[in-house]
Amino acid sequence: MKVKQISHAATVLTRLLQEWLGKWERPVITDYELGSLAADQASALQVEISAEIYTEIVQRLASFGLISPSKDSKAGTVFHLFGHVKPLPMEIACAVDPFAYVSHLSAMEYHGITDRFSKILYLSTPPDKEWKEQAAARMDKDRKKRAEAHLSAGLPTLRYQKFERIDGMRVELMRRSHRGAFKIIKSPAIRVAMVGRTFLDMLREPEYCGGMQHVVDTYREYAAKYLSLIVDEVSRHGKSIEQARAGYLLEEVCGLKDSRIDDWASSVQRGGSRKLDPQEEYAPVFSERWMLSLNVPSLAPPDSVPESP
């Protein structure tokens, strides 16, 4: 395509994209999304799209001040939009990674079940292979019959971006195959782990939830309110050790009852590696019912006698 043709196509498409960007609801736009918008408009006008045209569109939009590159991402991959209220780091993360959601201590903070204000943004997203598979499926769905044309034109693809910080906030990203249920929030525009999943994550990875003592305190204060959701999630997706931890906290620490908790107790397995806090050393105080080493100092009775399961 000649330079004059490229310039004319870019001029026409830039005008159309200006209108679309004015209606863009997410706080940022990725190069993949911008390229897809350009390809859609080009198709509607029966104009051939190319990487050269896309590059000129980006340059023109930037020169007009309508988009500006994100300093937290690889150059040219994520753009902030003119006129948008400054987004939260979690909004940017969920906009850039379509498969990520807010989890662990950040989800606890969102649901109002912690008094801590974390300086770290905790996110969960699929591991690399699964992420690429989901991205390929998403692109096929987005582009429909034009997927091959999109790729052959050299337009940006949907790809994983690693965040270390977003707007100064450190990001802790967990690559997990079994991420659990999340819900979509409109304002702020994020995806966040469901309450039940958040309580299960506390038992699996307390180190990302403020530590086991904070988990114990959170169960004490909020487990009664969310008992049904916790028991549903742990029953369906919790492993034996996680059911034992949940059972101990719900029953012996919080004094709560549910027939399904008895079911967990009936399937408890003895083992030398069973600890309430998976990150700490064994303590010589055990719960006989749940076959757990109670290695959280605040839970050990002051007059307890060391014994083994």
Protein backbone atom coordinates (compact mmCIF):
# COMPACT_ATOMS: atom_id res chain seq x y z
CA MET A 1 0.00 0.00 0.00
CA LYS A 2 1.37 3.41 -0.97
CA VAL A 3 2.17 6.08 1.60
CA LYS A 4 -0.65 8.31 0.36
CA GLN A 5 -3.17 5.47 0.63
CA ILE A 6 -1.95 4.61 4.13
CA SER A 7 -2.27 8.23 5.22
CA HIS A 8 -5.79 8.57 3.81
CA ALA A 9 -6.98 5.33 5.43
CA ALA A 10 -5.42 6.35 8.73
CA THR A 11 -7.14 9.74 8.58
CA VAL A 12 -10.57 8.23 8.02
CA LEU A 13 -10.15 5.50 10.65
CA THR A 14 -8.71 7.89 13.24
CA ARG A 15 -11.87 10.03 13.02
CA LEU A 16 -14.05 6.98 13.57
CA LEU A 17 -11.93 5.74 16.46
CA GLN A 18 -12.18 9.12 18.15
CA GLU A 19 -15.93 8.54 18.50
CA TRP A 20 -15.43 5.01 19.83
CA LEU A 21 -12.86 6.11 22.38
CA GLY A 22 -15.27 8.73 23.66
CA LYS A 23 -17.67 5.89 24.54
CA TRP A 24 -15.02 3.47 25.86
CA GLU A 25 -16.08 2.35 29.33
CA ARG A 26 -12.90 0.72 30.59
CA PRO A 27 -10.22 2.90 32.20
CA VAL A 28 -7.52 1.94 29.69
CA ILE A 29 -7.38 0.36 26.26
CA THR A 30 -4.86 -2.23 25.09
CA ASP A 31 -3.17 -2.35 21.70
CA TYR A 32 -5.17 -5.50 20.94
CA GLU A 33 -8.45 -3.72 21.61
CA LEU A 34 -7.39 -0.65 19.67
CA GLY A 35 -6.30 -2.78 16.73
CA SER A 36 -9.59 -4.68 16.82
CA LEU A 37 -11.58 -1.42 16.76
CA ALA A 38 -9.54 -0.24 13.80
CA ALA A 39 -10.05 -3.55 11.99
CA ASP A 40 -13.81 -3.44 12.58
CA GLN A 41 -14.11 0.07 11.20
CA ALA A 42 -11.90 -0.77 8.24
CA SER A 43 -14.04 -3.81 7.46
CA ALA A 44 -17.22 -1.73 7.60
CA LEU A 45 -15.69 0.75 5.14
CA GLN A 46 -14.19 -2.06 3.03
CA VAL A 47 -10.76 -0.61 3.63
CA GLU A 48 -7.75 -2.91 3.89
CA ILE A 49 -6.15 -2.68 7.35
CA SER A 50 -2.43 -3.13 7.94
CA ALA A 51 0.18 -2.74 10.65
CA GLU A 52 1.34 0.48 8.99
CA ILE A 53 -2.13 1.99 9.12
CA TYR A 54 -2.56 0.90 12.74
CA THR A 55 0.77 2.51 13.70
CA GLU A 56 -0.19 5.80 12.08
CA ILE A 57 -3.59 5.74 13.83
CA VAL A 58 -1.89 5.32 17.19
CA GLN A 59 0.52 8.15 16.44
CA ARG A 60 -2.32 10.48 15.45
CA LEU A 61 -4.46 9.62 18.48
CA ALA A 62 -1.45 10.23 20.72
CA SER A 63 -0.61 13.54 19.02
CA PHE A 64 -4.21 14.68 19.59
CA GLY A 65 -3.83 13.84 23.28
CA LEU A 66 -6.64 11.27 23.14
CA ILE A 67 -4.43 8.40 24.29
CA SER A 68 -1.20 8.26 26.28
CA PRO A 69 1.01 5.21 26.87
CA SER A 70 0.96 3.58 30.30
CA LYS A 71 4.28 3.88 32.11
CA ASP A 72 3.66 0.57 33.89
CA SER A 73 3.42 -1.54 30.73
CA LYS A 74 5.60 -2.35 27.77
CA ALA A 75 5.72 0.60 25.39
CA GLY A 76 2.76 0.75 23.03
CA THR A 77 0.71 -2.00 24.67
CA VAL A 78 -1.57 -0.13 27.08
CA PHE A 79 -2.99 3.38 26.75
CA HIS A 80 -4.75 5.73 29.15
CA LEU A 81 -7.69 7.65 27.70
CA PHE A 82 -8.20 11.40 27.79
CA GLY A 83 -11.04 12.60 30.01
CA HIS A 84 -11.31 9.46 32.15
CA VAL A 85 -11.19 9.71 35.94
CA LYS A 86 -7.94 8.30 37.27
CA PRO A 87 -8.61 4.57 37.71
CA LEU A 88 -7.66 2.35 40.64
CA PRO A 89 -4.73 -0.02 40.06
CA MET A 90 -7.13 -2.98 40.29
CA GLU A 91 -9.27 -1.47 37.52
CA ILE A 92 -6.26 -1.15 35.24
CA ALA A 93 -5.16 -4.72 36.01
CA CYS A 94 -8.59 -6.19 35.24
CA ALA A 95 -8.83 -4.15 32.03
CA VAL A 96 -5.43 -5.26 30.75
CA ASP A 97 -5.70 -8.93 31.75
CA PRO A 98 -9.20 -10.19 30.82
CA PHE A 99 -8.70 -13.41 32.82
CA ALA A 100 -7.40 -11.89 36.06
CA TYR A 101 -9.44 -11.08 39.14
CA VAL A 102 -8.80 -9.47 42.52
CA SER A 103 -8.13 -12.10 45.19
CA HIS A 104 -6.67 -12.86 48.63
CA LEU A 105 -6.11 -9.84 50.90
CA SER A 106 -7.24 -7.43 48.17
CA ALA A 107 -10.53 -9.35 47.88
CA MET A 108 -10.85 -9.34 51.67
CA GLU A 109 -10.47 -5.58 51.59
CA TYR A 110 -13.07 -5.22 48.84
CA HIS A 111 -15.60 -7.39 50.72
CA GLY A 112 -15.00 -5.48 53.95
CA ILE A 113 -13.76 -8.48 55.93
CA THR A 114 -10.40 -7.03 56.95
CA ASP A 115 -9.32 -3.85 58.67
CA ARG A 116 -6.07 -3.80 56.76
CA PHE A 117 -5.29 -1.59 53.80
CA SER A 118 -2.81 -3.52 51.76
CA LYS A 119 -0.01 -1.80 49.88
CA ILE A 120 0.03 -4.83 47.58
CA LEU A 121 -2.53 -5.66 44.90
CA TYR A 122 -3.24 -9.40 44.89
CA LEU A 123 -4.49 -10.89 41.62
CA SER A 124 -5.15 -14.40 40.30
CA THR A 125 -4.84 -15.37 36.64
CA PRO A 126 -4.30 -18.67 34.75
CA PRO A 127 -0.80 -20.14 34.26
CA ASP A 128 0.92 -19.42 30.97
CA LYS A 129 -0.36 -22.34 28.88
CA GLU A 130 -3.97 -21.91 30.00
CA TRP A 131 -3.74 -18.15 29.57
CA LYS A 132 -2.61 -18.52 25.96
CA GLU A 133 -5.38 -21.06 25.26
CA GLN A 134 -8.02 -18.74 26.69
CA ALA A 135 -6.55 -15.80 24.80
CA ALA A 136 -6.72 -17.72 21.50
CA ALA A 137 -10.35 -18.63 22.18
CA ARG A 138 -11.14 -15.02 23.09
CA MET A 139 -9.54 -13.71 19.90
CA ASP A 140 -11.45 -16.23 17.78
CA LYS A 141 -14.68 -15.10 19.43
CA ASP A 142 -13.85 -11.40 19.12
CA ARG A 143 -12.68 -11.53 15.53
CA LYS A 144 -15.05 -14.29 14.41
CA LYS A 145 -14.32 -15.01 10.74
CA ARG A 146 -11.75 -12.20 10.56
CA ALA A 147 -9.24 -13.77 12.96
CA GLU A 148 -6.84 -14.83 10.21
CA ALA A 149 -7.11 -11.44 8.51
CA HIS A 150 -6.34 -9.76 11.84
CA LEU A 151 -3.18 -11.83 12.26
CA SER A 152 -2.06 -11.60 8.64
CA ALA A 153 -2.39 -7.81 8.81
CA GLY A 154 0.15 -7.78 11.64
CA LEU A 155 -2.21 -6.22 14.16
CA PRO A 156 -1.50 -6.64 17.91
CA THR A 157 -2.73 -9.85 19.53
CA LEU A 158 -4.09 -10.51 22.99
CA ARG A 159 -1.11 -11.46 25.10
CA TYR A 160 -0.17 -11.77 28.76
CA GLN A 161 1.42 -8.79 30.42
CA LYS A 162 3.33 -9.08 33.65
CA PHE A 163 2.81 -6.28 36.12
CA GLU A 164 5.31 -5.47 38.82
CA ARG A 165 3.68 -2.22 39.83
CA ILE A 166 0.61 -0.26 38.78
CA ASP A 167 0.58 3.43 39.61
CA GLY A 168 3.16 2.79 42.31
CA MET A 169 1.34 -0.15 43.90
CA ARG A 170 3.19 -3.46 44.00
CA VAL A 171 1.38 -6.33 42.28
CA GLU A 172 1.46 -9.93 43.55
CA LEU A 173 0.15 -12.12 40.73
CA MET A 174 -0.78 -15.73 41.42
CA ARG A 175 -0.84 -18.05 38.38
CA ARG A 176 -3.48 -20.60 39.37
CA SER A 177 -5.26 -23.28 37.32
CA HIS A 178 -8.21 -23.61 39.70
CA ARG A 179 -8.92 -19.99 40.40
CA GLY A 180 -12.50 -20.29 41.62
CA ALA A 181 -15.59 -18.17 41.18
CA PHE A 182 -15.47 -14.41 40.82
CA LYS A 183 -18.05 -11.73 40.17
CA ILE A 184 -17.99 -8.77 37.82
CA ILE A 185 -18.37 -5.34 39.38
CA LYS A 186 -19.41 -2.33 37.31
CA SER A 187 -18.08 0.38 39.61
CA PRO A 188 -15.19 0.12 40.08
CA ALA A 189 -14.87 -1.93 36.89
CA ILE A 190 -13.20 -5.04 38.30
CA ARG A 191 -13.56 -8.77 38.77
CA VAL A 192 -13.25 -9.98 42.34
CA ALA A 193 -13.25 -13.38 44.05
CA MET A 194 -16.55 -14.39 45.61
CA VAL A 195 -16.77 -14.24 49.39
CA GLY A 196 -16.77 -18.03 49.83
CA ARG A 197 -13.70 -18.43 47.62
CA THR A 198 -11.94 -15.67 49.55
CA PHE A 199 -12.46 -17.55 52.83
CA LEU A 200 -11.10 -20.72 51.18
CA ASP A 201 -8.05 -18.85 49.86
CA MET A 202 -7.34 -17.73 53.43
CA LEU A 203 -6.88 -21.39 54.40
CA ARG A 204 -4.85 -22.30 51.33
CA GLU A 205 -2.49 -19.33 51.26
CA PRO A 206 -2.74 -17.36 54.49
CA GLU A 207 0.57 -15.66 53.71
CA TYR A 208 -1.27 -13.69 51.00
CA CYS A 209 -4.16 -12.90 53.32
CA GLY A 210 -2.39 -11.09 56.13
CA GLY A 211 -0.99 -14.20 57.84
CA MET A 212 -2.72 -17.02 59.70
CA GLN A 213 -3.38 -15.01 62.83
CA HIS A 214 -5.26 -12.45 60.73
CA VAL A 215 -7.15 -15.29 59.08
CA VAL A 216 -8.18 -16.61 62.51
CA ASP A 217 -9.31 -13.12 63.55
CA THR A 218 -11.27 -12.73 60.31
CA TYR A 219 -13.04 -16.05 60.80
CA ARG A 220 -13.91 -15.07 64.38
CA GLU A 221 -15.45 -11.80 63.27
CA TYR A 222 -17.14 -12.68 59.97
CA ALA A 223 -17.59 -16.45 59.63
CA ALA A 224 -21.04 -16.44 61.25
CA LYS A 225 -22.28 -13.89 58.71
CA TYR A 226 -20.99 -15.87 55.73
CA LEU A 227 -21.26 -19.42 57.14
CA SER A 228 -23.38 -20.84 54.32
CA LEU A 229 -21.12 -19.40 51.61
CA ILE A 230 -17.98 -20.66 53.34
CA VAL A 231 -19.32 -24.18 53.87
CA ASP A 232 -20.63 -24.35 50.28
CA GLU A 233 -17.25 -23.36 48.82
CA VAL A 234 -15.12 -25.52 51.11
CA SER A 235 -17.42 -28.54 50.55
CA ARG A 236 -17.25 -28.20 46.78
CA HIS A 237 -13.68 -27.10 46.20
CA GLY A 238 -11.72 -27.58 49.40
CA LYS A 239 -9.19 -30.38 49.77
CA SER A 240 -9.24 -32.61 52.86
CA ILE A 241 -6.68 -30.49 54.69
CA GLU A 242 -8.57 -27.30 53.87
CA GLN A 243 -11.81 -28.83 55.12
CA ALA A 244 -10.02 -29.75 58.34
CA ARG A 245 -8.72 -26.21 58.78
CA ALA A 246 -12.13 -24.74 58.01
CA GLY A 247 -13.84 -27.25 60.29
CA TYR A 248 -11.56 -26.44 63.19
CA LEU A 249 -11.96 -22.68 62.81
CA LEU A 250 -15.71 -22.76 62.24
CA GLU A 251 -16.52 -25.30 64.94
CA GLU A 252 -13.92 -24.95 67.68
CA VAL A 253 -12.89 -21.31 67.30
CA CYS A 254 -16.15 -19.72 66.12
CA GLY A 255 -18.60 -22.15 67.77
CA LEU A 256 -20.60 -22.60 64.55
CA LYS A 257 -22.51 -25.71 63.46
CA ASP A 258 -23.50 -27.19 60.13
CA SER A 259 -24.18 -30.82 59.20
CA ARG A 260 -21.64 -30.60 56.40
CA ILE A 261 -18.92 -29.75 58.90
CA ASP A 262 -19.60 -33.13 60.53
CA ASP A 263 -19.16 -34.71 57.10
CA TRP A 264 -15.71 -33.14 56.85
CA ALA A 265 -14.78 -34.50 60.27
CA SER A 266 -15.80 -38.03 59.30
CA SER A 267 -13.32 -38.00 56.42
CA VAL A 268 -10.40 -36.46 58.31
CA GLN A 269 -7.15 -38.28 57.63
CA ARG A 270 -4.25 -38.71 60.01
CA GLY A 271 -0.91 -37.50 58.76
CA GLY A 272 2.33 -35.99 59.90
CA SER A 273 2.05 -32.96 57.63
CA ARG A 274 -1.25 -31.59 58.84
CA LYS A 275 -0.90 -28.10 60.27
CA LEU A 276 -3.36 -25.26 60.76
CA ASP A 277 -0.84 -22.76 59.42
CA PRO A 278 0.88 -24.33 56.39
CA GLN A 279 3.78 -21.85 56.58
CA GLU A 280 4.87 -22.38 60.18
CA GLU A 281 6.59 -25.14 62.14
CA TYR A 282 4.65 -27.80 64.06
CA ALA A 283 3.36 -27.06 67.53
CA PRO A 284 2.97 -29.86 70.11
CA VAL A 285 -0.73 -29.05 70.64
CA PHE A 286 -3.28 -30.83 68.48
CA SER A 287 -6.97 -30.90 67.71
CA GLU A 288 -7.93 -34.57 68.08
CA ARG A 289 -11.14 -34.11 66.12
CA TRP A 290 -9.47 -32.40 63.16
CA MET A 291 -6.02 -34.01 63.41
CA LEU A 292 -4.32 -30.64 63.14
CA SER A 293 -1.26 -29.20 64.78
CA LEU A 294 -2.51 -25.93 66.26
CA ASN A 295 0.61 -23.99 65.34
CA VAL A 296 -0.94 -20.55 65.86
CA PRO A 297 0.21 -19.32 69.28
CA SER A 298 -3.06 -17.58 70.17
CA LEU A 299 -4.96 -20.87 69.84
CA ALA A 300 -2.79 -22.94 72.16
CA PRO A 301 -4.35 -23.29 75.64
CA PRO A 302 -2.00 -21.88 78.29
CA ASP A 303 -2.19 -25.10 80.31
CA SER A 304 -2.11 -27.46 77.34
CA VAL A 305 -0.18 -30.70 77.62
CA PRO A 306 1.80 -31.65 74.52
CA GLU A 307 0.41 -34.72 72.84
CA SER A 308 0.50 -36.23 69.37
CA PRO A 309 -2.37 -37.32 67.12
